[in-house]
Amino acid sequence: MNNGQQHDLQASRLPPELLELVFGELDIPSLLNCKKVCRLFCAIISKNTGLQYATELFAAGMDDGPHSSADKPVRLSALQSHQHCWDTMKWDPTAGSINMEDGNAWELCGGVLCQNISGGGVSCFQLPSQFKGIEAKRWIVPNPGFSVRDFTMDPSQDLLMLLEVNGELPEQTVIGIHLRNLSDGAPHPLANGALITHSPGMEGNFRFALQICGRRIGVLIADEALQSDSDQELLVWDWRTGQLELFIRGHELQSFSFATEDLIIVAVISSDDEELQSFSLAVLSVSQSPNTATSINDLDYICALQYPTVNVDIQSVIIRSEPAPGWVPHASLAVPFFSSLKNRLFVLTTVFDVSNNTGSNTAVLFIPLSTILSQVQAAAGPSRSVIPWSSWGPHGTRMIARRPSETWVCYSFGMKFIQMLPWVQQRRARIYDFNQYARTSTPVDGTQDGKPTWKKLAKSQKINEQMPIFQDDIITYLPGRVAEVHLPSSSTYEAVMLSEDNIVAVSSTLRRYTYLPM
């Protein structure tokens, strides 16, 4: 009698119903190991729809939808079809289009594309998904009665955040943050007052970076001219109470992103007495930070993740990550599943001044949330821990020499990142997927031009030959897979964006967005 038969004989003494209950209490890695124990375990797990659905959710980096009325077999079938579409890069052939408005701002968030209309108001479009039962929907948020300088939104909270700038003189500038319903433009019922105001302690023509994270909103105010010695301000409010919770001021601030509903990542560039730049990502707790103007150097941040040392100046830095922590699709959509908030990627794009050097001038660093949280946990003792690049970067990230669009910056969602390939007739895009449990084998129909759709990334990535600006050899090892997607041939495109269920290609020439739904 072999080992597997012995396990079968012993396990058969327990009722299958009891085994199913036991398996249902296990985490997915343990459940997958149980499938290898014996044929009986494998058969019970494979035939149980609930266990199979939980396994597929885990592998896809998804969470179960709390508001869906669909039963487990229907959800499992929809999820498998959804993932098969990603694995084969074969999208719904009925690509749709959205006209480009003539306003000065736009946003893609939670599967909704919004555009400011020059005459006032916001044009909104809900991107469809056949596997989730989401229908395409258009609506207009009415003119709010003031000039909208910038905006962002969170469809999961029906929240539209409109930014207004008033004041005839720079020193009299007042920024107004209006909190409205995304559905109809009325004052948001959860906001204690529909307006938050702030007077910047600096002068200039401003640019803004806006983010919503649950009950918090973040605003980065910077000089449009990007002067290295000009102050910038980062503020975080509780939008429901109007209470200011964080206020950082200084020329070192570059960009920010919420890691969790309490942790925020701030890109910081500082110079020593010899004007040599150093760059790091400071991770701090909003609830443990002062709400009066404070320099980043005076804050008790949790840790600072150092960037590799470079021999040139840094021109700009941007951090992007979607969706926001705590984000759940709106209950009205009743989606069967959605991207797990544990599986999020931070895309750090750094542009360097390489006027006196050869090679690329832009590096993209992919940082999983798990990499950041592991460093936060390790630095849980004394504050202001400085983590050298060698301790967190090589095995926790992947760096490539690419230049994403500086305008159409919604190029990531979950653990995926997308970028146009302009040298291929402007009709192809490349997608990187850093989900560690994504399919590694290609489905039978998952080929393009006779080649597998997805390829594993090389075990290591060395960037120095493309970017000879780093003092040391930069080698990163974060595993992942990469694929190319063919865009509709009816047009050429300048950029491409990503949501959970759609790829959105941008053509400013035709004044049109083309979306590929799944």
Protein backbone atom coordinates (compact mmCIF):
# COMPACT_ATOMS: atom_id res chain seq x y z
CA MET A 1 0.00 0.00 0.00
CA ASN A 2 1.52 3.36 -1.03
CA ASN A 3 1.51 6.55 1.03
CA GLY A 4 -1.40 8.13 -0.85
CA GLN A 5 -3.58 5.05 -0.33
CA GLN A 6 -2.84 5.11 3.41
CA HIS A 7 -3.99 8.77 3.60
CA ASP A 8 -7.12 7.91 1.61
CA LEU A 9 -7.97 5.06 3.96
CA GLN A 10 -7.49 7.19 7.09
CA ALA A 11 -9.34 10.20 5.71
CA SER A 12 -12.29 8.12 4.51
CA ARG A 13 -13.26 7.51 8.12
CA LEU A 14 -14.41 11.17 8.34
CA PRO A 15 -17.66 12.28 6.68
CA PRO A 16 -17.03 14.39 3.53
CA GLU A 17 -19.27 17.12 4.96
CA LEU A 18 -17.01 17.43 7.99
CA LEU A 19 -13.91 17.58 5.81
CA GLU A 20 -15.51 20.34 3.75
CA LEU A 21 -16.13 22.36 6.91
CA VAL A 22 -12.51 21.87 7.97
CA PHE A 23 -11.19 22.87 4.54
CA GLY A 24 -13.40 25.95 4.62
CA GLU A 25 -11.54 27.24 7.69
CA LEU A 26 -8.10 27.07 6.03
CA ASP A 27 -6.27 29.85 4.27
CA ILE A 28 -5.78 29.26 0.56
CA PRO A 29 -2.09 28.21 0.60
CA SER A 30 -2.95 25.59 3.23
CA LEU A 31 -5.97 24.49 1.19
CA LEU A 32 -3.81 24.03 -1.90
CA ASN A 33 -1.35 21.95 0.12
CA CYS A 34 -4.25 19.76 1.29
CA LYS A 35 -5.09 19.00 -2.35
CA LYS A 36 -1.68 17.36 -2.61
CA VAL A 37 -2.12 15.13 0.44
CA CYS A 38 -4.30 12.45 -1.16
CA ARG A 39 -6.83 11.76 -3.91
CA LEU A 40 -9.79 12.04 -1.55
CA PHE A 41 -8.82 15.52 -0.32
CA CYS A 42 -8.17 16.63 -3.88
CA ALA A 43 -11.57 15.32 -5.04
CA ILE A 44 -13.52 16.96 -2.19
CA ILE A 45 -11.83 20.33 -2.66
CA SER A 46 -12.11 20.23 -6.46
CA LYS A 47 -15.84 19.43 -6.40
CA ASN A 48 -16.78 22.03 -3.77
CA THR A 49 -17.84 25.20 -5.57
CA GLY A 50 -17.28 27.40 -2.53
CA LEU A 51 -13.73 26.18 -2.05
CA GLN A 52 -13.01 26.49 -5.75
CA TYR A 53 -14.37 30.04 -5.78
CA ALA A 54 -12.22 31.00 -2.78
CA THR A 55 -9.18 29.52 -4.53
CA GLU A 56 -9.89 31.39 -7.77
CA LEU A 57 -10.38 34.66 -5.86
CA PHE A 58 -7.01 34.20 -4.17
CA ALA A 59 -5.20 33.40 -7.43
CA ALA A 60 -6.79 36.37 -9.20
CA GLY A 61 -6.07 38.80 -6.35
CA MET A 62 -9.79 39.43 -5.88
CA ASP A 63 -12.24 39.78 -2.99
CA ASP A 64 -15.83 38.55 -2.92
CA GLY A 65 -18.46 41.18 -3.68
CA PRO A 66 -20.56 41.78 -0.53
CA HIS A 67 -23.60 43.15 -2.38
CA SER A 68 -24.01 40.58 -5.16
CA SER A 69 -27.08 38.32 -5.15
CA ALA A 70 -25.47 35.79 -7.52
CA ASP A 71 -24.83 32.33 -6.10
CA LYS A 72 -21.35 30.78 -5.88
CA PRO A 73 -21.49 28.80 -9.17
CA VAL A 74 -22.46 31.95 -11.09
CA ARG A 75 -19.72 34.00 -9.41
CA LEU A 76 -17.15 31.27 -10.06
CA SER A 77 -18.05 31.10 -13.75
CA ALA A 78 -17.90 34.89 -14.10
CA LEU A 79 -14.54 35.06 -12.32
CA GLN A 80 -13.06 32.31 -14.48
CA SER A 81 -14.24 34.10 -17.63
CA HIS A 82 -12.86 37.39 -16.33
CA GLN A 83 -9.45 35.87 -15.66
CA HIS A 84 -9.45 33.98 -18.94
CA CYS A 85 -9.92 37.29 -20.71
CA TRP A 86 -6.82 38.66 -18.96
CA ASP A 87 -4.84 35.47 -19.59
CA THR A 88 -5.58 35.45 -23.33
CA MET A 89 -5.77 39.23 -23.86
CA LYS A 90 -8.90 38.63 -25.93
CA TRP A 91 -11.31 41.40 -25.07
CA ASP A 92 -14.94 42.05 -25.87
CA PRO A 93 -14.80 42.81 -29.63
CA THR A 94 -17.44 45.54 -29.26
CA ALA A 95 -15.03 48.32 -28.31
CA GLY A 96 -16.77 51.55 -27.40
CA SER A 97 -15.76 55.19 -27.57
CA ILE A 98 -16.20 58.32 -25.48
CA ASN A 99 -15.88 61.81 -26.91
CA MET A 100 -13.17 63.96 -25.35
CA GLU A 101 -14.57 67.09 -23.71
CA ASP A 102 -12.91 70.50 -23.97
CA GLY A 103 -12.47 71.09 -20.22
CA ASN A 104 -9.20 71.39 -18.34
CA ALA A 105 -9.37 68.27 -16.12
CA TRP A 106 -10.28 64.60 -16.26
CA GLU A 107 -10.11 61.53 -13.98
CA LEU A 108 -10.45 57.75 -14.29
CA CYS A 109 -11.36 56.07 -11.01
CA GLY A 110 -13.34 53.00 -10.01
CA GLY A 111 -14.33 52.27 -13.61
CA VAL A 112 -15.75 55.78 -14.13
CA LEU A 113 -14.22 58.29 -16.57
CA CYS A 114 -15.08 61.90 -15.74
CA GLN A 115 -14.24 65.04 -17.71
CA ASN A 116 -14.67 68.68 -16.83
CA ILE A 117 -16.79 70.59 -19.35
CA SER A 118 -15.53 74.04 -20.29
CA GLY A 119 -18.98 75.57 -19.97
CA GLY A 120 -19.41 74.08 -16.51
CA GLY A 121 -20.33 70.68 -15.18
CA VAL A 122 -18.71 67.24 -15.32
CA SER A 123 -19.34 64.59 -17.97
CA CYS A 124 -19.31 61.05 -16.48
CA PHE A 125 -19.19 57.62 -18.08
CA GLN A 126 -19.41 54.26 -16.29
CA LEU A 127 -17.25 51.74 -18.17
CA PRO A 128 -19.06 48.43 -18.77
CA SER A 129 -18.15 44.83 -17.85
CA GLN A 130 -20.11 41.89 -19.21
CA PHE A 131 -18.71 39.47 -16.62
CA LYS A 132 -19.71 41.68 -13.70
CA GLY A 133 -23.02 42.78 -15.15
CA ILE A 134 -22.02 46.47 -15.27
CA GLU A 135 -23.75 48.39 -18.03
CA ALA A 136 -22.36 51.47 -19.75
CA LYS A 137 -23.92 54.62 -18.37
CA ARG A 138 -23.54 58.32 -19.15
CA TRP A 139 -24.61 61.29 -17.06
CA ILE A 140 -23.80 64.96 -16.53
CA VAL A 141 -23.11 66.56 -13.16
CA PRO A 142 -24.63 70.07 -13.49
CA ASN A 143 -22.60 73.26 -13.49
CA PRO A 144 -21.63 73.84 -9.83
CA GLY A 145 -21.80 77.63 -10.19
CA PHE A 146 -18.05 78.29 -10.05
CA SER A 147 -14.95 77.68 -12.15
CA VAL A 148 -13.53 74.20 -11.44
CA ARG A 149 -9.72 74.28 -11.38
CA ASP A 150 -9.31 70.54 -10.71
CA PHE A 151 -11.31 67.62 -9.39
CA THR A 152 -11.21 63.98 -8.35
CA MET A 153 -13.86 61.50 -7.32
CA ASP A 154 -14.60 58.25 -5.52
CA PRO A 155 -17.54 56.40 -7.11
CA SER A 156 -17.68 53.95 -4.20
CA GLN A 157 -18.76 56.83 -1.91
CA ASP A 158 -20.65 58.76 -4.60
CA LEU A 159 -18.15 61.54 -3.83
CA LEU A 160 -17.07 64.29 -6.20
CA MET A 161 -14.36 66.64 -4.92
CA LEU A 162 -14.26 69.94 -6.84
CA LEU A 163 -11.41 72.41 -6.34
CA GLU A 164 -11.91 76.15 -6.77
CA VAL A 165 -9.20 78.86 -6.65
CA ASN A 166 -10.17 82.44 -5.72
CA GLY A 167 -8.23 85.66 -5.13
CA GLU A 168 -7.07 88.44 -7.42
CA LEU A 169 -3.59 88.61 -5.91
CA PRO A 170 -1.27 85.64 -5.14
CA GLU A 171 -1.09 86.52 -1.45
CA GLN A 172 -4.89 86.57 -1.30
CA THR A 173 -5.42 83.15 -2.86
CA VAL A 174 -8.04 80.93 -1.23
CA ILE A 175 -8.57 77.34 -2.27
CA GLY A 176 -12.08 75.96 -1.88
CA ILE A 177 -12.77 72.21 -1.79
CA HIS A 178 -16.40 71.43 -2.58
CA LEU A 179 -17.79 68.02 -1.61
CA ARG A 180 -20.63 66.92 -3.87
CA ASN A 181 -22.50 63.81 -4.96
CA LEU A 182 -20.98 62.27 -8.06
CA SER A 183 -24.44 61.14 -9.12
CA ASP A 184 -26.15 64.54 -9.22
CA GLY A 185 -23.80 67.28 -7.97
CA ALA A 186 -25.78 68.01 -4.81
CA PRO A 187 -23.88 68.63 -1.53
CA HIS A 188 -22.70 65.31 -0.16
CA PRO A 189 -24.90 64.28 2.78
CA LEU A 190 -21.99 62.88 4.82
CA ALA A 191 -19.97 66.10 4.71
CA ASN A 192 -20.31 68.38 7.72
CA GLY A 193 -20.47 71.40 5.50
CA ALA A 194 -19.94 71.04 1.77
CA LEU A 195 -16.91 73.36 1.59
CA ILE A 196 -13.37 73.23 3.00
CA THR A 197 -11.13 76.27 2.52
CA HIS A 198 -7.37 76.82 2.74
CA SER A 199 -5.07 79.80 2.12
CA PRO A 200 -1.66 78.63 0.85
CA GLY A 201 1.33 80.10 2.62
CA MET A 202 3.10 80.71 -0.68
CA GLU A 203 2.65 82.54 -3.94
CA GLY A 204 2.69 81.42 -7.55
CA ASN A 205 0.67 79.65 -10.18
CA PHE A 206 -0.34 76.42 -8.56
CA ARG A 207 -0.73 72.84 -9.71
CA PHE A 208 -2.53 70.27 -7.61
CA ALA A 209 -2.51 66.54 -6.88
CA LEU A 210 -5.72 65.27 -5.30
CA GLN A 211 -6.55 61.91 -3.71
CA ILE A 212 -9.49 60.46 -1.82
CA CYS A 213 -8.96 57.63 0.67
CA GLY A 214 -12.05 56.63 2.62
CA ARG A 215 -12.90 59.47 5.00
CA ARG A 216 -9.68 61.34 4.15
CA ILE A 217 -8.77 63.62 1.26
CA GLY A 218 -5.22 64.65 0.39
CA VAL A 219 -4.14 67.75 -1.53
CA LEU A 220 -0.61 68.57 -2.69
CA ILE A 221 -0.17 72.21 -3.70
CA ALA A 222 2.92 72.98 -5.76
CA ASP A 223 4.36 75.74 -7.90
CA GLU A 224 3.44 75.20 -11.53
CA ALA A 225 6.98 76.23 -12.55
CA LEU A 226 8.46 73.34 -10.50
CA GLN A 227 11.12 75.57 -8.95
CA SER A 228 13.36 73.42 -6.76
CA ASP A 229 13.50 76.03 -3.98
CA SER A 230 9.78 76.84 -3.88
CA ASP A 231 7.68 75.57 -1.00
CA GLN A 232 4.98 73.00 -1.48
CA GLU A 233 2.16 72.03 0.85
CA LEU A 234 0.63 68.64 1.57
CA LEU A 235 -2.63 68.67 3.52
CA VAL A 236 -4.96 65.88 4.62
CA TRP A 237 -8.50 66.49 5.90
CA ASP A 238 -11.25 64.30 7.25
CA TRP A 239 -13.77 65.36 4.62
CA ARG A 240 -16.75 64.28 6.69
CA THR A 241 -15.90 66.55 9.62
CA GLY A 242 -13.79 69.16 7.81
CA GLN A 243 -10.98 68.63 10.35
CA LEU A 244 -7.42 69.22 9.13
CA GLU A 245 -5.31 66.20 10.15
CA LEU A 246 -1.94 66.68 8.43
CA PHE A 247 -0.06 69.74 7.17
CA ILE A 248 3.46 69.48 5.73
CA ARG A 249 5.25 72.39 4.07
CA GLY A 250 8.62 72.47 2.31
CA HIS A 251 10.39 72.42 -1.02
CA GLU A 252 11.38 68.76 -0.48
CA LEU A 253 7.89 67.41 -1.21
CA GLN A 254 7.40 65.83 -4.62
CA SER A 255 4.41 63.49 -4.61
CA PHE A 256 2.30 61.39 -2.27
CA SER A 257 -0.03 58.41 -2.10
CA PHE A 258 -2.08 56.70 0.59
CA ALA A 259 -0.73 53.25 1.50
CA THR A 260 -3.53 52.50 3.97
CA GLU A 261 -6.30 54.69 5.34
CA ASP A 262 -3.81 55.93 7.95
CA LEU A 263 -0.39 55.52 6.31
CA ILE A 264 0.74 57.95 3.65
CA ILE A 265 3.84 57.76 1.42
CA VAL A 266 5.60 61.02 0.61
CA ALA A 267 8.33 61.33 -2.01
CA VAL A 268 11.04 63.59 -0.55
CA ILE A 269 14.10 65.06 -2.25
CA SER A 270 16.70 66.79 -0.10
CA SER A 271 20.14 68.29 -0.77
CA ASP A 272 23.23 68.42 1.43
CA ASP A 273 25.67 71.32 1.77
CA GLU A 274 27.34 70.29 -1.46
CA GLU A 275 23.94 70.30 -3.21
CA LEU A 276 24.02 66.53 -3.79
CA GLN A 277 20.47 65.21 -3.97
CA SER A 278 19.13 62.30 -1.97
CA PHE A 279 15.71 60.82 -2.60
CA SER A 280 13.54 58.71 -0.29
CA LEU A 281 9.96 57.64 0.36
CA ALA A 282 8.88 58.71 3.83
CA VAL A 283 6.08 56.63 5.35
CA LEU A 284 4.11 58.36 8.09
CA SER A 285 0.92 57.97 10.07
CA VAL A 286 -1.70 60.66 9.48
CA SER A 287 -3.27 60.14 12.89
CA GLN A 288 0.11 60.50 14.62
CA SER A 289 1.18 63.65 12.75
CA PRO A 290 0.61 67.33 13.63
CA ASN A 291 -2.11 69.32 11.88
CA THR A 292 -0.15 72.57 11.89
CA ALA A 293 2.42 73.52 9.26
CA THR A 294 5.47 71.33 9.83
CA SER A 295 8.60 70.55 7.84
CA ILE A 296 9.04 66.96 6.71
CA ASN A 297 12.40 67.03 8.49
CA ASP A 298 10.66 67.72 11.80
CA LEU A 299 8.10 64.93 11.45
CA ASP A 300 8.41 61.65 13.29
CA TYR A 301 7.77 59.53 10.23
CA ILE A 302 7.82 55.76 10.67
CA CYS A 303 10.55 55.02 8.13
CA ALA A 304 12.21 56.43 5.03
CA LEU A 305 12.88 54.04 2.14
CA GLN A 306 15.99 55.29 0.36
CA TYR A 307 16.15 55.43 -3.43
CA PRO A 308 19.39 54.36 -5.16
CA THR A 309 22.03 57.11 -5.28
CA VAL A 310 22.21 58.93 -8.62
CA ASN A 311 24.85 61.20 -10.15
CA VAL A 312 22.37 63.64 -11.72
CA ASP A 313 19.56 65.92 -10.57
CA ILE A 314 15.98 64.69 -10.32
CA GLN A 315 13.49 66.72 -12.34
CA SER A 316 10.20 65.22 -11.18
CA VAL A 317 8.66 62.36 -9.22
CA ILE A 318 5.14 60.96 -9.27
CA ILE A 319 3.59 58.10 -7.28
CA ARG A 320 0.48 56.40 -8.64
CA SER A 321 -1.63 53.60 -7.15
CA GLU A 322 -5.21 52.50 -7.81
CA PRO A 323 -7.55 51.72 -6.21
CA ALA A 324 -7.37 53.68 -2.99
CA PRO A 325 -7.13 51.79 0.34
CA GLY A 326 -10.54 50.82 1.66
CA TRP A 327 -12.15 51.17 -1.78
CA VAL A 328 -15.14 48.91 -2.45
CA PRO A 329 -17.34 49.20 -5.57
CA HIS A 330 -20.60 51.03 -4.96
CA ALA A 331 -23.36 48.78 -3.62
CA SER A 332 -25.62 49.68 -6.56
CA LEU A 333 -23.28 47.84 -8.95
CA ALA A 334 -23.61 44.57 -6.97
CA VAL A 335 -20.38 43.24 -8.48
CA PRO A 336 -19.63 39.56 -7.78
CA PHE A 337 -15.93 40.25 -7.11
CA PHE A 338 -13.41 43.09 -7.15
CA SER A 339 -9.67 43.69 -6.79
CA SER A 340 -8.34 42.88 -3.34
CA LEU A 341 -6.99 45.86 -1.46
CA LYS A 342 -4.11 43.68 -0.27
CA ASN A 343 -2.85 43.45 -3.85
CA ARG A 344 -1.89 46.95 -4.88
CA LEU A 345 1.07 48.30 -6.78
CA PHE A 346 2.74 51.68 -6.33
CA VAL A 347 4.24 53.00 -9.56
CA LEU A 348 7.05 55.47 -8.86
CA THR A 349 8.10 57.39 -11.98
CA THR A 350 11.30 59.44 -11.68
CA VAL A 351 12.56 61.79 -14.41
CA PHE A 352 16.25 62.75 -14.30
CA ASP A 353 18.27 65.57 -15.83
CA VAL A 354 20.49 63.64 -18.24
CA SER A 355 21.42 66.51 -20.56
CA ASN A 356 25.10 65.63 -20.14
CA ASN A 357 24.58 61.86 -20.16
CA THR A 358 23.45 59.18 -22.58
CA GLY A 359 20.64 56.73 -22.07
CA SER A 360 17.07 56.98 -20.84
CA ASN A 361 16.05 59.81 -18.54
CA THR A 362 13.10 58.06 -16.80
CA ALA A 363 12.93 55.11 -14.44
CA VAL A 364 9.75 53.36 -13.34
CA LEU A 365 9.91 51.53 -10.02
CA PHE A 366 7.15 49.02 -9.20
CA ILE A 367 6.61 48.61 -5.45
CA PRO A 368 3.99 46.18 -4.09
CA LEU A 369 2.08 47.28 -1.00
CA SER A 370 3.44 44.19 0.77
CA THR A 371 7.00 45.49 0.34
CA ILE A 372 6.13 48.78 2.03
CA LEU A 373 4.14 47.22 4.86
CA SER A 374 6.92 44.74 5.64
CA GLN A 375 9.33 47.65 6.12
CA VAL A 376 6.80 49.52 8.26
CA GLN A 377 6.39 46.46 10.46
CA ALA A 378 10.15 46.03 10.77
CA ALA A 379 10.49 49.71 11.76
CA ALA A 380 7.73 49.53 14.37
CA GLY A 381 10.16 50.45 17.15
CA PRO A 382 11.99 53.79 16.97
CA SER A 383 10.63 56.38 14.57
CA ARG A 384 12.52 57.89 11.62
CA SER A 385 14.16 54.61 10.64
CA VAL A 386 16.19 55.05 7.46
CA ILE A 387 16.07 51.90 5.31
CA PRO A 388 18.90 51.72 2.75
CA TRP A 389 18.01 50.69 -0.80
CA SER A 390 19.96 47.44 -0.45
CA SER A 391 17.66 46.32 2.40
CA TRP A 392 14.30 46.82 0.66
CA GLY A 393 14.71 47.56 -3.03
CA PRO A 394 16.47 44.74 -4.91
CA HIS A 395 14.18 41.88 -3.90
CA GLY A 396 11.04 43.89 -3.11
CA THR A 397 10.72 45.89 -6.36
CA ARG A 398 11.27 45.87 -10.11
CA MET A 399 12.81 48.84 -11.96
CA ILE A 400 12.60 49.42 -15.70
CA ALA A 401 13.66 52.24 -18.03
CA ARG A 402 10.36 53.52 -19.45
CA ARG A 403 8.58 56.86 -19.73
CA PRO A 404 4.84 56.68 -19.03
CA SER A 405 2.62 59.50 -20.19
CA GLU A 406 2.87 62.59 -18.01
CA THR A 407 -0.71 63.55 -18.88
CA TRP A 408 -2.67 60.28 -19.00
CA VAL A 409 -1.36 58.98 -15.69
CA CYS A 410 -4.06 56.38 -14.84
CA TYR A 411 -1.77 53.60 -16.07
CA SER A 412 -2.04 51.19 -13.14
CA PHE A 413 -4.71 49.26 -11.30
CA GLY A 414 -4.25 46.58 -8.67
CA MET A 415 -1.01 44.79 -9.52
CA LYS A 416 -1.00 45.75 -13.22
CA PHE A 417 0.68 48.54 -15.19
CA ILE A 418 0.12 49.44 -18.85
CA GLN A 419 2.10 51.53 -21.33
CA MET A 420 1.87 52.39 -25.01
CA LEU A 421 4.48 51.05 -27.41
CA PRO A 422 4.75 54.07 -29.73
CA TRP A 423 7.33 52.39 -31.93
CA VAL A 424 4.80 49.69 -32.97
CA GLN A 425 2.50 51.84 -35.13
CA GLN A 426 0.99 53.33 -31.95
CA ARG A 427 -1.47 50.43 -31.81
CA ARG A 428 0.04 48.15 -29.21
CA ALA A 429 0.46 48.38 -25.48
CA ARG A 430 2.51 46.41 -22.97
CA ILE A 431 1.06 45.21 -19.67
CA TYR A 432 3.07 44.17 -16.63
CA ASP A 433 1.36 42.02 -13.99
CA PHE A 434 3.02 41.55 -10.58
CA ASN A 435 0.36 39.30 -9.04
CA GLN A 436 2.55 36.50 -7.67
CA TYR A 437 -0.26 33.95 -8.07
CA ALA A 438 -1.25 34.83 -11.64
CA ARG A 439 -1.32 32.07 -14.25
CA THR A 440 2.17 31.09 -15.33
CA SER A 441 1.08 28.78 -18.16
CA THR A 442 -0.71 30.06 -21.24
CA PRO A 443 -4.23 28.79 -22.08
CA VAL A 444 -4.62 26.90 -25.33
CA ASP A 445 -6.21 29.91 -27.02
CA GLY A 446 -3.87 32.39 -25.29
CA THR A 447 -1.60 33.16 -28.21
CA GLN A 448 -0.99 36.15 -30.44
CA ASP A 449 0.75 35.70 -33.80
CA GLY A 450 1.50 32.13 -32.76
CA LYS A 451 3.35 33.21 -29.61
CA PRO A 452 2.25 32.87 -25.97
CA THR A 453 0.37 35.93 -24.73
CA TRP A 454 2.20 36.20 -21.41
CA LYS A 455 5.88 35.78 -20.72
CA LYS A 456 7.61 35.57 -17.37
CA LEU A 457 9.85 38.49 -16.59
CA ALA A 458 13.52 37.66 -16.43
CA LYS A 459 14.67 36.54 -13.00
CA SER A 460 16.58 39.79 -12.58
CA GLN A 461 16.55 43.23 -14.21
CA LYS A 462 19.71 45.33 -14.50
CA ILE A 463 19.12 48.91 -15.51
CA ASN A 464 22.59 50.48 -15.58
CA GLU A 465 23.23 49.97 -19.29
CA GLN A 466 20.06 51.86 -20.17
CA MET A 467 20.52 54.42 -17.40
CA PRO A 468 24.21 54.98 -16.56
CA ILE A 469 23.33 57.50 -13.85
CA PHE A 470 23.37 55.32 -10.75
CA GLN A 471 26.43 55.13 -8.53
CA ASP A 472 26.03 51.38 -8.01
CA ASP A 473 24.71 48.48 -10.05
CA ILE A 474 20.91 48.44 -9.79
CA ILE A 475 19.49 44.93 -10.06
CA THR A 476 15.89 44.15 -9.07
CA TYR A 477 14.22 40.75 -8.77
CA LEU A 478 10.47 41.20 -8.20
CA PRO A 479 8.84 38.45 -10.31
CA GLY A 480 5.99 39.09 -12.70
CA ARG A 481 4.72 38.53 -16.21
CA VAL A 482 4.42 40.74 -19.28
CA ALA A 483 2.17 40.73 -22.34
CA GLU A 484 1.26 42.86 -25.31
CA VAL A 485 -2.27 43.88 -26.21
CA HIS A 486 -3.39 44.78 -29.71
CA LEU A 487 -5.48 47.94 -29.80
CA PRO A 488 -8.25 48.55 -32.37
CA SER A 489 -6.71 49.29 -35.75
CA SER A 490 -9.12 52.09 -36.61
CA SER A 491 -6.89 54.72 -35.05
CA THR A 492 -3.47 55.50 -33.64
CA TYR A 493 -3.13 56.33 -29.97
CA GLU A 494 -0.82 58.44 -27.84
CA ALA A 495 -1.48 56.81 -24.46
CA VAL A 496 -3.34 53.99 -22.80
CA MET A 497 -4.95 53.72 -19.36
CA LEU A 498 -6.16 50.89 -17.16
CA SER A 499 -9.14 50.11 -14.95
CA GLU A 500 -10.19 46.85 -13.33
CA ASP A 501 -12.28 45.70 -16.31
CA ASN A 502 -11.22 47.94 -19.21
CA ILE A 503 -8.28 49.20 -21.21
CA VAL A 504 -8.78 52.80 -22.33
CA ALA A 505 -6.80 54.09 -25.32
CA VAL A 506 -6.43 57.85 -25.82
CA SER A 507 -6.39 59.72 -29.12
CA SER A 508 -6.18 63.50 -28.76
CA THR A 509 -6.10 63.83 -32.54
CA LEU A 510 -9.54 62.29 -32.88
CA ARG A 511 -10.65 63.75 -29.51
CA ARG A 512 -11.74 60.30 -28.40
CA TYR A 513 -11.24 57.61 -25.76
CA THR A 514 -11.61 54.03 -26.98
CA TYR A 515 -12.36 51.42 -24.32
CA LEU A 516 -11.96 47.64 -24.50
CA PRO A 517 -14.28 45.99 -21.96
CA MET A 518 -14.27 42.48 -20.54
